[in-house]
Amino acid sequence: MTRRHRQALFSVILSVGILCTDQLIKIAVKTGMYLHQSIHVTDWFQILFTENRGMAFGMELFDKLFLTSFRILAVSFLIYYIVRKIREGISWGYLSCLILIMAGAAGNIFDCVFYGMIFNNPPAPMIAEFVPWGTGYESLLHGRVVDMFYFPLVEWDWPGWLPVIGGGHFIFFSPIFNFADACISCGVIALLLFYKKVLRNEE
C-alpha cells in the first residue's frame, strides 16, 4: 500500500470515528436528558444539555439557513482540499489537523440538517424522542446543534465599585460546547502552532 493510499484510509477512518463519537454523545444526551438539565461531574466540569441555532460554543451570529449552507460549502471545500493534498503529498500531522476540522464541522452539520426532522422537542422535564421522518420540531436544514460540555473553571463576583461590570458575576470558562467543537478547535490551534509556514505557502 502506497503512502497516498495509507493516508486516504487514515482520513476515512479518523473522519468516521470523529463523526460516530460526536453523534453517539449527542444522541445519548438528547435522549437521556431534558433541555438545560445539568449533571454535576466535578466543581469545574458539568454535563449541561443545551441547544443552539448558531456557531460553535453557542454563539448565534447569522441566519440559520445561511449558516448551515455555509457549513456544507466549507466542508465540501475541505474534502476537496484534503483529497488534492493527499495526491500532491502531505504530512501526517497537517492531514490530521485538516481531518479534525472537517469532521468536526460535518458533525455539527448533521445536527443542523437532520435533527429537526427526526426528534421532537418536548418541554422540560420531558425528554426528546425519535419521531417519524419529517414530523420533528423543525424543517430540513433548521435543526439545532446539541452542546453539553461545560467547564466553569473559575467564577467570582466583581466588586460593586467597578464601573460597568461592578456587581456582575464572572465565569471562566463559560461557553458550552460539544465533541465536534472540540475537534475543530484542536485542529485550528494545532495548525496555528505547528503549520504557520504551510498556511502561508498555501495563501
N, C-alpha and C. Protein backbone atom coordinates (compact mmCIF):
# COMPACT_ATOMS: atom_id res chain seq x y z
N MET A 1 0.85 -1.20 0.00
CA MET A 1 0.00 0.00 0.00
C MET A 1 0.88 1.25 0.00
N THR A 2 0.61 2.16 -0.91
CA THR A 2 1.40 3.37 -1.02
C THR A 2 1.06 4.35 0.11
N ARG A 3 1.92 5.36 0.29
CA ARG A 3 1.67 6.40 1.29
C ARG A 3 0.34 7.10 1.02
N ARG A 4 0.06 7.36 -0.26
CA ARG A 4 -1.18 8.03 -0.62
C ARG A 4 -2.39 7.21 -0.19
N HIS A 5 -2.34 5.90 -0.42
CA HIS A 5 -3.45 5.04 -0.04
C HIS A 5 -3.59 4.93 1.48
N ARG A 6 -2.45 4.89 2.19
CA ARG A 6 -2.50 4.84 3.65
C ARG A 6 -3.13 6.12 4.22
N GLN A 7 -2.76 7.24 3.65
CA GLN A 7 -3.32 8.50 4.14
C GLN A 7 -4.81 8.61 3.81
N ALA A 8 -5.22 8.12 2.67
CA ALA A 8 -6.64 8.13 2.31
C ALA A 8 -7.43 7.26 3.28
N LEU A 9 -6.91 6.07 3.58
CA LEU A 9 -7.58 5.17 4.52
C LEU A 9 -7.62 5.78 5.91
N PHE A 10 -6.51 6.37 6.33
CA PHE A 10 -6.46 7.05 7.63
C PHE A 10 -7.49 8.16 7.71
N SER A 11 -7.63 8.93 6.64
CA SER A 11 -8.58 10.04 6.61
C SER A 11 -10.01 9.54 6.79
N VAL A 12 -10.34 8.46 6.11
CA VAL A 12 -11.69 7.90 6.21
C VAL A 12 -11.95 7.38 7.62
N ILE A 13 -10.99 6.63 8.17
CA ILE A 13 -11.17 6.03 9.49
C ILE A 13 -11.30 7.12 10.56
N LEU A 14 -10.41 8.12 10.52
CA LEU A 14 -10.45 9.18 11.51
C LEU A 14 -11.74 10.00 11.39
N SER A 15 -12.15 10.30 10.16
CA SER A 15 -13.38 11.07 9.96
C SER A 15 -14.60 10.32 10.49
N VAL A 16 -14.70 9.05 10.15
CA VAL A 16 -15.84 8.25 10.60
C VAL A 16 -15.82 8.12 12.13
N GLY A 17 -14.62 7.94 12.69
CA GLY A 17 -14.50 7.84 14.15
C GLY A 17 -14.98 9.09 14.86
N ILE A 18 -14.57 10.26 14.34
CA ILE A 18 -14.99 11.53 14.94
C ILE A 18 -16.50 11.72 14.81
N LEU A 19 -17.03 11.45 13.62
CA LEU A 19 -18.46 11.63 13.39
C LEU A 19 -19.29 10.71 14.28
N CYS A 20 -18.89 9.45 14.37
CA CYS A 20 -19.64 8.48 15.18
C CYS A 20 -19.57 8.84 16.66
N THR A 21 -18.37 9.20 17.13
CA THR A 21 -18.23 9.58 18.54
C THR A 21 -19.09 10.80 18.86
N ASP A 22 -19.03 11.80 17.99
CA ASP A 22 -19.80 13.02 18.19
C ASP A 22 -21.30 12.73 18.24
N GLN A 23 -21.78 11.95 17.29
CA GLN A 23 -23.22 11.67 17.23
C GLN A 23 -23.68 10.76 18.37
N LEU A 24 -22.87 9.82 18.77
CA LEU A 24 -23.24 8.96 19.90
C LEU A 24 -23.40 9.77 21.18
N ILE A 25 -22.48 10.71 21.42
CA ILE A 25 -22.57 11.57 22.60
C ILE A 25 -23.82 12.44 22.53
N LYS A 26 -24.05 13.05 21.38
CA LYS A 26 -25.20 13.95 21.24
C LYS A 26 -26.52 13.21 21.40
N ILE A 27 -26.64 12.06 20.77
CA ILE A 27 -27.89 11.30 20.86
C ILE A 27 -28.12 10.80 22.28
N ALA A 28 -27.04 10.39 22.95
CA ALA A 28 -27.17 9.93 24.34
C ALA A 28 -27.66 11.07 25.23
N VAL A 29 -27.12 12.27 25.01
CA VAL A 29 -27.55 13.42 25.81
C VAL A 29 -28.98 13.82 25.48
N LYS A 30 -29.29 13.89 24.19
CA LYS A 30 -30.61 14.37 23.77
C LYS A 30 -31.72 13.41 24.17
N THR A 31 -31.45 12.11 24.18
CA THR A 31 -32.48 11.14 24.53
C THR A 31 -32.38 10.66 25.98
N GLY A 32 -31.43 11.24 26.72
CA GLY A 32 -31.26 10.83 28.11
C GLY A 32 -31.39 11.95 29.12
N MET A 33 -31.45 13.20 28.62
CA MET A 33 -31.55 14.36 29.50
C MET A 33 -32.60 15.32 28.94
N TYR A 34 -33.23 16.08 29.80
CA TYR A 34 -34.12 17.13 29.30
C TYR A 34 -33.33 18.42 29.12
N LEU A 35 -33.86 19.32 28.30
CA LEU A 35 -33.16 20.55 27.95
C LEU A 35 -32.82 21.36 29.19
N HIS A 36 -31.57 21.77 29.29
CA HIS A 36 -30.99 22.55 30.39
C HIS A 36 -30.75 21.73 31.66
N GLN A 37 -30.93 20.43 31.58
CA GLN A 37 -30.57 19.58 32.73
C GLN A 37 -29.06 19.54 32.87
N SER A 38 -28.59 19.52 34.09
CA SER A 38 -27.16 19.52 34.36
C SER A 38 -26.78 18.32 35.22
N ILE A 39 -25.69 17.68 34.85
CA ILE A 39 -25.12 16.60 35.65
C ILE A 39 -23.79 17.09 36.21
N HIS A 40 -23.71 17.18 37.52
CA HIS A 40 -22.50 17.68 38.18
C HIS A 40 -21.45 16.55 38.21
N VAL A 41 -20.36 16.77 37.50
CA VAL A 41 -19.27 15.79 37.48
C VAL A 41 -18.22 16.18 38.51
N THR A 42 -17.72 17.39 38.41
CA THR A 42 -16.82 17.97 39.42
C THR A 42 -17.22 19.43 39.60
N ASP A 43 -16.54 20.13 40.50
CA ASP A 43 -16.83 21.55 40.69
C ASP A 43 -16.50 22.38 39.45
N TRP A 44 -15.64 21.84 38.58
CA TRP A 44 -15.25 22.60 37.40
C TRP A 44 -15.70 21.95 36.09
N PHE A 45 -16.52 20.92 36.16
CA PHE A 45 -16.98 20.25 34.94
C PHE A 45 -18.41 19.74 35.12
N GLN A 46 -19.27 20.11 34.17
CA GLN A 46 -20.66 19.65 34.18
C GLN A 46 -21.06 19.16 32.79
N ILE A 47 -21.99 18.22 32.74
CA ILE A 47 -22.69 17.88 31.52
C ILE A 47 -23.97 18.69 31.54
N LEU A 48 -24.07 19.71 30.72
CA LEU A 48 -25.20 20.62 30.71
C LEU A 48 -25.82 20.62 29.32
N PHE A 49 -27.01 20.04 29.19
CA PHE A 49 -27.65 19.88 27.89
C PHE A 49 -28.24 21.20 27.41
N THR A 50 -27.67 21.71 26.32
CA THR A 50 -28.20 22.91 25.69
C THR A 50 -28.26 22.68 24.18
N GLU A 51 -29.01 23.54 23.51
CA GLU A 51 -29.07 23.52 22.05
C GLU A 51 -28.89 24.94 21.54
N ASN A 52 -28.31 25.06 20.37
CA ASN A 52 -28.15 26.39 19.79
C ASN A 52 -28.37 26.35 18.29
N ARG A 53 -28.76 27.49 17.75
CA ARG A 53 -29.01 27.62 16.31
C ARG A 53 -27.79 28.13 15.56
N GLY A 54 -26.76 28.50 16.31
CA GLY A 54 -25.68 29.23 15.69
C GLY A 54 -24.38 28.49 15.54
N MET A 55 -23.32 29.23 15.79
CA MET A 55 -21.97 28.74 15.54
C MET A 55 -21.45 27.98 16.75
N ALA A 56 -20.16 27.66 16.70
CA ALA A 56 -19.54 26.89 17.77
C ALA A 56 -19.63 27.63 19.10
N PHE A 57 -19.65 26.87 20.18
CA PHE A 57 -19.69 27.39 21.54
C PHE A 57 -20.95 28.22 21.83
N GLY A 58 -22.04 27.91 21.13
CA GLY A 58 -23.33 28.53 21.42
C GLY A 58 -23.53 29.92 20.85
N MET A 59 -22.59 30.44 20.08
CA MET A 59 -22.76 31.78 19.51
C MET A 59 -23.85 31.76 18.43
N GLU A 60 -24.60 32.84 18.32
CA GLU A 60 -25.65 32.96 17.32
C GLU A 60 -25.48 34.29 16.60
N LEU A 61 -24.77 34.23 15.45
CA LEU A 61 -24.41 35.47 14.77
C LEU A 61 -25.07 35.62 13.41
N PHE A 62 -25.52 34.52 12.80
CA PHE A 62 -26.04 34.59 11.44
C PHE A 62 -27.36 33.84 11.33
N ASP A 63 -28.06 34.07 10.22
CA ASP A 63 -29.28 33.35 9.91
C ASP A 63 -28.99 31.85 9.83
N LYS A 64 -29.93 31.04 10.32
CA LYS A 64 -29.71 29.60 10.42
C LYS A 64 -29.47 28.96 9.06
N LEU A 65 -30.31 29.28 8.07
CA LEU A 65 -30.16 28.68 6.74
C LEU A 65 -28.84 29.07 6.11
N PHE A 66 -28.45 30.34 6.29
CA PHE A 66 -27.15 30.79 5.76
C PHE A 66 -26.02 30.02 6.42
N LEU A 67 -26.10 29.86 7.74
CA LEU A 67 -25.02 29.21 8.47
C LEU A 67 -24.89 27.75 8.07
N THR A 68 -26.02 27.03 7.95
CA THR A 68 -25.98 25.63 7.55
C THR A 68 -25.43 25.49 6.14
N SER A 69 -25.87 26.34 5.23
CA SER A 69 -25.38 26.30 3.85
C SER A 69 -23.89 26.58 3.79
N PHE A 70 -23.45 27.57 4.59
CA PHE A 70 -22.03 27.90 4.63
C PHE A 70 -21.21 26.72 5.15
N ARG A 71 -21.72 26.05 6.19
CA ARG A 71 -21.01 24.88 6.73
C ARG A 71 -20.88 23.78 5.69
N ILE A 72 -21.95 23.54 4.94
CA ILE A 72 -21.91 22.50 3.91
C ILE A 72 -20.88 22.84 2.85
N LEU A 73 -20.86 24.10 2.41
CA LEU A 73 -19.88 24.53 1.40
C LEU A 73 -18.46 24.42 1.95
N ALA A 74 -18.26 24.82 3.22
CA ALA A 74 -16.93 24.78 3.82
C ALA A 74 -16.42 23.35 3.93
N VAL A 75 -17.29 22.43 4.36
CA VAL A 75 -16.88 21.03 4.48
C VAL A 75 -16.60 20.44 3.10
N SER A 76 -17.41 20.80 2.11
CA SER A 76 -17.19 20.31 0.74
C SER A 76 -15.83 20.78 0.23
N PHE A 77 -15.50 22.04 0.50
CA PHE A 77 -14.20 22.57 0.09
C PHE A 77 -13.07 21.84 0.81
N LEU A 78 -13.23 21.61 2.11
CA LEU A 78 -12.19 20.93 2.88
C LEU A 78 -11.96 19.51 2.37
N ILE A 79 -13.03 18.81 2.03
CA ILE A 79 -12.89 17.46 1.48
C ILE A 79 -12.11 17.51 0.17
N TYR A 80 -12.47 18.45 -0.69
CA TYR A 80 -11.75 18.61 -1.97
C TYR A 80 -10.27 18.93 -1.72
N TYR A 81 -10.02 19.84 -0.77
CA TYR A 81 -8.64 20.25 -0.46
C TYR A 81 -7.83 19.09 0.10
N ILE A 82 -8.43 18.32 0.99
CA ILE A 82 -7.74 17.17 1.58
C ILE A 82 -7.39 16.14 0.52
N VAL A 83 -8.33 15.84 -0.36
CA VAL A 83 -8.09 14.88 -1.44
C VAL A 83 -6.94 15.36 -2.33
N ARG A 84 -6.98 16.66 -2.66
CA ARG A 84 -5.93 17.23 -3.52
C ARG A 84 -4.56 17.16 -2.86
N LYS A 85 -4.51 17.50 -1.56
CA LYS A 85 -3.23 17.50 -0.86
C LYS A 85 -2.68 16.08 -0.67
N ILE A 86 -3.55 15.11 -0.49
CA ILE A 86 -3.09 13.73 -0.39
C ILE A 86 -2.44 13.31 -1.71
N ARG A 87 -3.03 13.71 -2.82
CA ARG A 87 -2.46 13.38 -4.14
C ARG A 87 -1.12 14.08 -4.36
N GLU A 88 -1.00 15.32 -3.85
CA GLU A 88 0.24 16.09 -4.03
C GLU A 88 1.33 15.69 -3.05
N GLY A 89 0.91 15.13 -1.90
CA GLY A 89 1.85 14.81 -0.83
C GLY A 89 1.63 15.75 0.34
N ILE A 90 1.36 15.20 1.50
CA ILE A 90 1.02 15.99 2.67
C ILE A 90 1.57 15.30 3.91
N SER A 91 1.99 16.07 4.89
CA SER A 91 2.50 15.45 6.12
C SER A 91 1.34 14.86 6.92
N TRP A 92 1.65 13.87 7.73
CA TRP A 92 0.61 13.23 8.53
C TRP A 92 0.00 14.19 9.55
N GLY A 93 0.83 15.04 10.12
CA GLY A 93 0.32 15.98 11.12
C GLY A 93 -0.63 17.00 10.51
N TYR A 94 -0.24 17.57 9.37
CA TYR A 94 -1.09 18.54 8.69
C TYR A 94 -2.41 17.90 8.26
N LEU A 95 -2.32 16.68 7.77
CA LEU A 95 -3.52 15.94 7.38
C LEU A 95 -4.44 15.72 8.57
N SER A 96 -3.88 15.36 9.71
CA SER A 96 -4.69 15.12 10.92
C SER A 96 -5.44 16.38 11.34
N CYS A 97 -4.75 17.53 11.27
CA CYS A 97 -5.40 18.80 11.63
C CYS A 97 -6.58 19.08 10.70
N LEU A 98 -6.39 18.88 9.42
CA LEU A 98 -7.47 19.13 8.46
C LEU A 98 -8.65 18.20 8.70
N ILE A 99 -8.36 16.94 9.01
CA ILE A 99 -9.44 15.98 9.25
C ILE A 99 -10.22 16.36 10.51
N LEU A 100 -9.53 16.78 11.56
CA LEU A 100 -10.21 17.21 12.79
C LEU A 100 -11.19 18.35 12.49
N ILE A 101 -10.75 19.33 11.72
CA ILE A 101 -11.60 20.47 11.40
C ILE A 101 -12.77 20.05 10.52
N MET A 102 -12.48 19.29 9.48
CA MET A 102 -13.53 18.89 8.53
C MET A 102 -14.58 18.00 9.19
N ALA A 103 -14.13 16.97 9.91
CA ALA A 103 -15.06 16.04 10.53
C ALA A 103 -15.86 16.71 11.65
N GLY A 104 -15.21 17.60 12.40
CA GLY A 104 -15.93 18.34 13.44
C GLY A 104 -17.04 19.19 12.85
N ALA A 105 -16.71 19.91 11.77
CA ALA A 105 -17.74 20.72 11.11
C ALA A 105 -18.86 19.85 10.55
N ALA A 106 -18.51 18.70 10.00
CA ALA A 106 -19.52 17.78 9.46
C ALA A 106 -20.43 17.25 10.57
N GLY A 107 -19.87 17.04 11.77
CA GLY A 107 -20.68 16.57 12.88
C GLY A 107 -21.76 17.56 13.25
N ASN A 108 -21.43 18.84 13.27
CA ASN A 108 -22.42 19.87 13.58
C ASN A 108 -23.41 20.06 12.44
N ILE A 109 -22.96 19.84 11.20
CA ILE A 109 -23.87 19.91 10.05
C ILE A 109 -24.96 18.84 10.18
N PHE A 110 -24.59 17.66 10.64
CA PHE A 110 -25.56 16.57 10.79
C PHE A 110 -26.72 17.01 11.69
N ASP A 111 -26.40 17.67 12.80
CA ASP A 111 -27.44 18.18 13.69
C ASP A 111 -28.35 19.16 12.95
N CYS A 112 -27.72 20.12 12.27
CA CYS A 112 -28.49 21.17 11.59
C CYS A 112 -29.40 20.61 10.51
N VAL A 113 -28.90 19.65 9.76
CA VAL A 113 -29.66 19.12 8.63
C VAL A 113 -30.77 18.18 9.08
N PHE A 114 -30.47 17.26 10.03
CA PHE A 114 -31.39 16.17 10.30
C PHE A 114 -32.14 16.22 11.64
N TYR A 115 -31.57 16.83 12.66
CA TYR A 115 -32.17 16.69 13.99
C TYR A 115 -33.59 17.26 14.06
N GLY A 116 -33.84 18.36 13.35
CA GLY A 116 -35.18 18.92 13.35
C GLY A 116 -36.21 18.01 12.72
N MET A 117 -35.76 17.08 11.88
CA MET A 117 -36.65 16.17 11.18
C MET A 117 -36.91 14.87 11.95
N ILE A 118 -36.00 14.50 12.85
CA ILE A 118 -36.10 13.17 13.46
C ILE A 118 -36.33 13.19 14.97
N PHE A 119 -36.28 14.38 15.59
CA PHE A 119 -36.52 14.50 17.03
C PHE A 119 -37.71 15.42 17.30
N ASN A 120 -38.46 15.10 18.36
CA ASN A 120 -39.44 16.07 18.85
C ASN A 120 -38.75 17.00 19.85
N ASN A 121 -39.48 17.97 20.36
CA ASN A 121 -38.88 18.96 21.25
C ASN A 121 -39.81 19.25 22.42
N PRO A 122 -39.98 18.28 23.32
CA PRO A 122 -40.93 18.47 24.43
C PRO A 122 -40.37 19.42 25.48
N PRO A 123 -41.25 20.07 26.24
CA PRO A 123 -40.79 20.95 27.31
C PRO A 123 -40.20 20.14 28.47
N ALA A 124 -39.26 20.74 29.20
CA ALA A 124 -38.69 20.09 30.39
C ALA A 124 -39.79 19.88 31.41
N PRO A 125 -39.77 18.78 32.14
CA PRO A 125 -38.68 17.80 32.25
C PRO A 125 -38.85 16.57 31.34
N MET A 126 -39.64 16.70 30.27
CA MET A 126 -39.78 15.58 29.34
C MET A 126 -38.51 15.48 28.48
N ILE A 127 -38.25 14.28 28.00
CA ILE A 127 -37.03 14.02 27.24
C ILE A 127 -37.38 13.79 25.77
N ALA A 128 -36.55 14.31 24.88
CA ALA A 128 -36.79 14.19 23.45
C ALA A 128 -36.76 12.73 23.01
N GLU A 129 -37.53 12.45 21.96
CA GLU A 129 -37.60 11.09 21.41
C GLU A 129 -37.47 11.16 19.89
N PHE A 130 -37.07 10.04 19.30
CA PHE A 130 -37.09 9.93 17.85
C PHE A 130 -38.54 9.92 17.37
N VAL A 131 -38.80 10.58 16.24
CA VAL A 131 -40.14 10.61 15.67
C VAL A 131 -40.03 10.23 14.19
N PRO A 132 -41.15 9.86 13.54
CA PRO A 132 -41.10 9.56 12.10
C PRO A 132 -40.53 10.74 11.31
N TRP A 133 -39.82 10.42 10.25
CA TRP A 133 -39.14 11.43 9.45
C TRP A 133 -40.11 12.54 9.05
N GLY A 134 -39.68 13.77 9.26
CA GLY A 134 -40.46 14.92 8.84
C GLY A 134 -41.48 15.41 9.84
N THR A 135 -41.60 14.74 10.99
CA THR A 135 -42.59 15.15 12.00
C THR A 135 -41.92 15.75 13.23
N GLY A 136 -40.67 16.14 13.10
CA GLY A 136 -39.92 16.68 14.23
C GLY A 136 -40.21 18.14 14.49
N TYR A 137 -39.34 18.78 15.24
CA TYR A 137 -39.58 20.14 15.72
C TYR A 137 -39.23 21.23 14.71
N GLU A 138 -38.52 20.87 13.62
CA GLU A 138 -38.15 21.88 12.64
C GLU A 138 -38.07 21.26 11.25
N SER A 139 -37.89 22.11 10.24
CA SER A 139 -37.76 21.65 8.86
C SER A 139 -36.31 21.28 8.55
N LEU A 140 -36.10 20.69 7.40
CA LEU A 140 -34.76 20.30 6.95
C LEU A 140 -33.84 21.52 6.94
N LEU A 141 -32.61 21.32 7.41
CA LEU A 141 -31.56 22.35 7.47
C LEU A 141 -31.72 23.34 8.62
N HIS A 142 -32.77 23.18 9.44
CA HIS A 142 -33.01 24.14 10.52
C HIS A 142 -32.91 23.51 11.91
N GLY A 143 -32.29 22.35 12.01
CA GLY A 143 -32.14 21.71 13.31
C GLY A 143 -31.18 22.47 14.21
N ARG A 144 -31.24 22.18 15.49
CA ARG A 144 -30.38 22.85 16.47
C ARG A 144 -29.24 21.93 16.87
N VAL A 145 -28.08 22.53 17.08
CA VAL A 145 -26.87 21.79 17.45
C VAL A 145 -26.90 21.49 18.95
N VAL A 146 -26.60 20.25 19.29
CA VAL A 146 -26.60 19.81 20.69
C VAL A 146 -25.23 20.08 21.31
N ASP A 147 -25.21 20.78 22.44
CA ASP A 147 -23.98 21.04 23.20
C ASP A 147 -24.15 20.48 24.61
N MET A 148 -23.02 20.15 25.24
CA MET A 148 -23.15 19.52 26.57
C MET A 148 -21.95 19.71 27.49
N PHE A 149 -20.78 20.03 27.02
CA PHE A 149 -19.60 20.12 27.88
C PHE A 149 -19.47 21.54 28.42
N TYR A 150 -19.44 21.65 29.74
CA TYR A 150 -19.40 22.96 30.39
C TYR A 150 -18.32 22.93 31.47
N PHE A 151 -17.35 23.86 31.36
CA PHE A 151 -16.22 23.90 32.27
C PHE A 151 -16.16 25.26 32.99
N PRO A 152 -16.96 25.47 34.02
CA PRO A 152 -16.86 26.72 34.79
C PRO A 152 -15.66 26.65 35.73
N LEU A 153 -14.48 26.83 35.15
CA LEU A 153 -13.23 26.61 35.89
C LEU A 153 -13.08 27.53 37.09
N VAL A 154 -13.38 28.81 36.87
CA VAL A 154 -13.25 29.81 37.94
C VAL A 154 -14.43 30.76 37.82
N GLU A 155 -14.98 31.18 38.96
CA GLU A 155 -16.04 32.19 38.93
C GLU A 155 -15.98 33.06 40.17
N TRP A 156 -16.40 34.32 39.99
CA TRP A 156 -16.40 35.26 41.11
C TRP A 156 -17.37 36.40 40.81
N ASP A 157 -17.64 37.19 41.83
CA ASP A 157 -18.45 38.40 41.69
C ASP A 157 -17.52 39.61 41.68
N TRP A 158 -17.72 40.48 40.70
CA TRP A 158 -16.91 41.69 40.61
C TRP A 158 -17.29 42.66 41.74
N PRO A 159 -16.32 43.36 42.32
CA PRO A 159 -16.63 44.37 43.36
C PRO A 159 -17.60 45.42 42.83
N GLY A 160 -18.51 45.84 43.68
CA GLY A 160 -19.54 46.77 43.26
C GLY A 160 -19.02 48.13 42.82
N TRP A 161 -17.82 48.53 43.26
CA TRP A 161 -17.31 49.86 42.92
C TRP A 161 -16.72 49.94 41.51
N LEU A 162 -16.56 48.78 40.84
CA LEU A 162 -16.01 48.82 39.48
C LEU A 162 -17.05 49.36 38.50
N PRO A 163 -16.63 50.24 37.57
CA PRO A 163 -17.59 50.74 36.57
C PRO A 163 -18.01 49.64 35.59
N VAL A 164 -19.21 49.71 35.14
CA VAL A 164 -19.81 48.84 34.12
C VAL A 164 -20.02 47.42 34.62
N ILE A 165 -18.93 46.73 35.03
CA ILE A 165 -19.03 45.31 35.41
C ILE A 165 -19.24 45.12 36.91
N GLY A 166 -19.22 46.19 37.68
CA GLY A 166 -19.36 46.09 39.13
C GLY A 166 -20.62 45.36 39.56
N GLY A 167 -20.47 44.39 40.45
CA GLY A 167 -21.59 43.61 40.95
C GLY A 167 -21.97 42.45 40.09
N GLY A 168 -21.37 42.36 38.90
CA GLY A 168 -21.70 41.26 37.98
C GLY A 168 -20.99 39.98 38.36
N HIS A 169 -21.50 38.88 37.83
CA HIS A 169 -20.90 37.56 38.10
C HIS A 169 -20.09 37.13 36.88
N PHE A 170 -18.87 36.66 37.11
CA PHE A 170 -17.97 36.26 36.03
C PHE A 170 -17.67 34.77 36.12
N ILE A 171 -17.73 34.10 34.96
CA ILE A 171 -17.40 32.67 34.90
C ILE A 171 -16.35 32.46 33.82
N PHE A 172 -15.29 31.76 34.16
CA PHE A 172 -14.28 31.36 33.18
C PHE A 172 -14.09 29.83 33.32
N PHE A 173 -14.47 29.07 32.40
CA PHE A 173 -14.75 29.27 31.00
C PHE A 173 -16.25 29.03 30.79
N SER A 174 -17.00 29.98 30.22
CA SER A 174 -18.45 29.88 30.21
C SER A 174 -19.07 29.21 28.98
N PRO A 175 -18.42 29.17 27.80
CA PRO A 175 -19.07 28.53 26.65
C PRO A 175 -19.38 27.06 26.89
N ILE A 176 -20.49 26.61 26.33
CA ILE A 176 -20.87 25.20 26.36
C ILE A 176 -20.65 24.65 24.96
N PHE A 177 -19.98 23.52 24.85
CA PHE A 177 -19.59 23.02 23.54
C PHE A 177 -19.78 21.52 23.44
N ASN A 178 -19.52 20.96 22.26
CA ASN A 178 -19.65 19.52 22.04
C ASN A 178 -18.34 18.94 21.52
N PHE A 179 -18.35 17.64 21.27
CA PHE A 179 -17.13 16.96 20.81
C PHE A 179 -16.67 17.50 19.47
N ALA A 180 -17.61 17.80 18.57
CA ALA A 180 -17.25 18.33 17.26
C ALA A 180 -16.56 19.68 17.39
N ASP A 181 -17.09 20.56 18.27
CA ASP A 181 -16.45 21.85 18.51
C ASP A 181 -15.02 21.67 19.01
N ALA A 182 -14.83 20.70 19.91
CA ALA A 182 -13.51 20.45 20.47
C ALA A 182 -12.53 20.00 19.38
N CYS A 183 -13.01 19.15 18.46
CA CYS A 183 -12.16 18.69 17.35
C CYS A 183 -11.76 19.86 16.46
N ILE A 184 -12.73 20.72 16.13
CA ILE A 184 -12.44 21.89 15.30
C ILE A 184 -11.40 22.78 15.98
N SER A 185 -11.61 23.06 17.25
CA SER A 185 -10.70 23.94 17.99
C SER A 185 -9.30 23.36 18.06
N CYS A 186 -9.19 22.06 18.36
CA CYS A 186 -7.87 21.42 18.43
C CYS A 186 -7.17 21.46 17.08
N GLY A 187 -7.93 21.21 16.00
CA GLY A 187 -7.34 21.25 14.67
C GLY A 187 -6.83 22.63 14.31
N VAL A 188 -7.63 23.66 14.59
CA VAL A 188 -7.24 25.03 14.27
C VAL A 188 -6.03 25.46 15.10
N ILE A 189 -6.05 25.17 16.40
CA ILE A 189 -4.93 25.55 17.28
C ILE A 189 -3.65 24.87 16.84
N ALA A 190 -3.73 23.58 16.51
CA ALA A 190 -2.53 22.85 16.05
C ALA A 190 -2.00 23.43 14.74
N LEU A 191 -2.89 23.81 13.83
CA LEU A 191 -2.46 24.43 12.58
C LEU A 191 -1.70 25.73 12.85
N LEU A 192 -2.25 26.54 13.73
CA LEU A 192 -1.63 27.84 14.02
C LEU A 192 -0.30 27.68 14.76
N LEU A 193 -0.19 26.65 15.59
CA LEU A 193 1.03 26.45 16.37
C LEU A 193 2.15 25.81 15.55
N PHE A 194 1.79 24.82 14.73
CA PHE A 194 2.83 24.00 14.10
C PHE A 194 2.92 24.13 12.58
N TYR A 195 1.93 24.75 11.95
CA TYR A 195 1.93 24.76 10.48
C TYR A 195 1.72 26.15 9.91
N LYS A 196 2.26 27.18 10.61
CA LYS A 196 2.14 28.54 10.11
C LYS A 196 2.79 28.68 8.74
N LYS A 197 3.96 28.09 8.58
CA LYS A 197 4.68 28.20 7.32
C LYS A 197 3.89 27.56 6.19
N VAL A 198 3.30 26.39 6.46
CA VAL A 198 2.50 25.70 5.44
C VAL A 198 1.31 26.57 5.06
N LEU A 199 0.64 27.17 6.04
CA LEU A 199 -0.52 28.02 5.78
C LEU A 199 -0.14 29.24 4.94
N ARG A 200 1.02 29.83 5.27
CA ARG A 200 1.47 30.98 4.49
C ARG A 200 1.75 30.59 3.05
N ASN A 201 2.34 29.43 2.85
CA ASN A 201 2.61 28.95 1.49
C ASN A 201 1.32 28.68 0.73
N GLU A 202 0.32 28.16 1.45
CA GLU A 202 -0.97 27.89 0.80
C GLU A 202 -1.64 29.19 0.37
N GLU A 203 -1.50 30.24 1.17
CA GLU A 203 -2.05 31.52 0.79
C GLU A 203 -1.44 32.04 -0.51
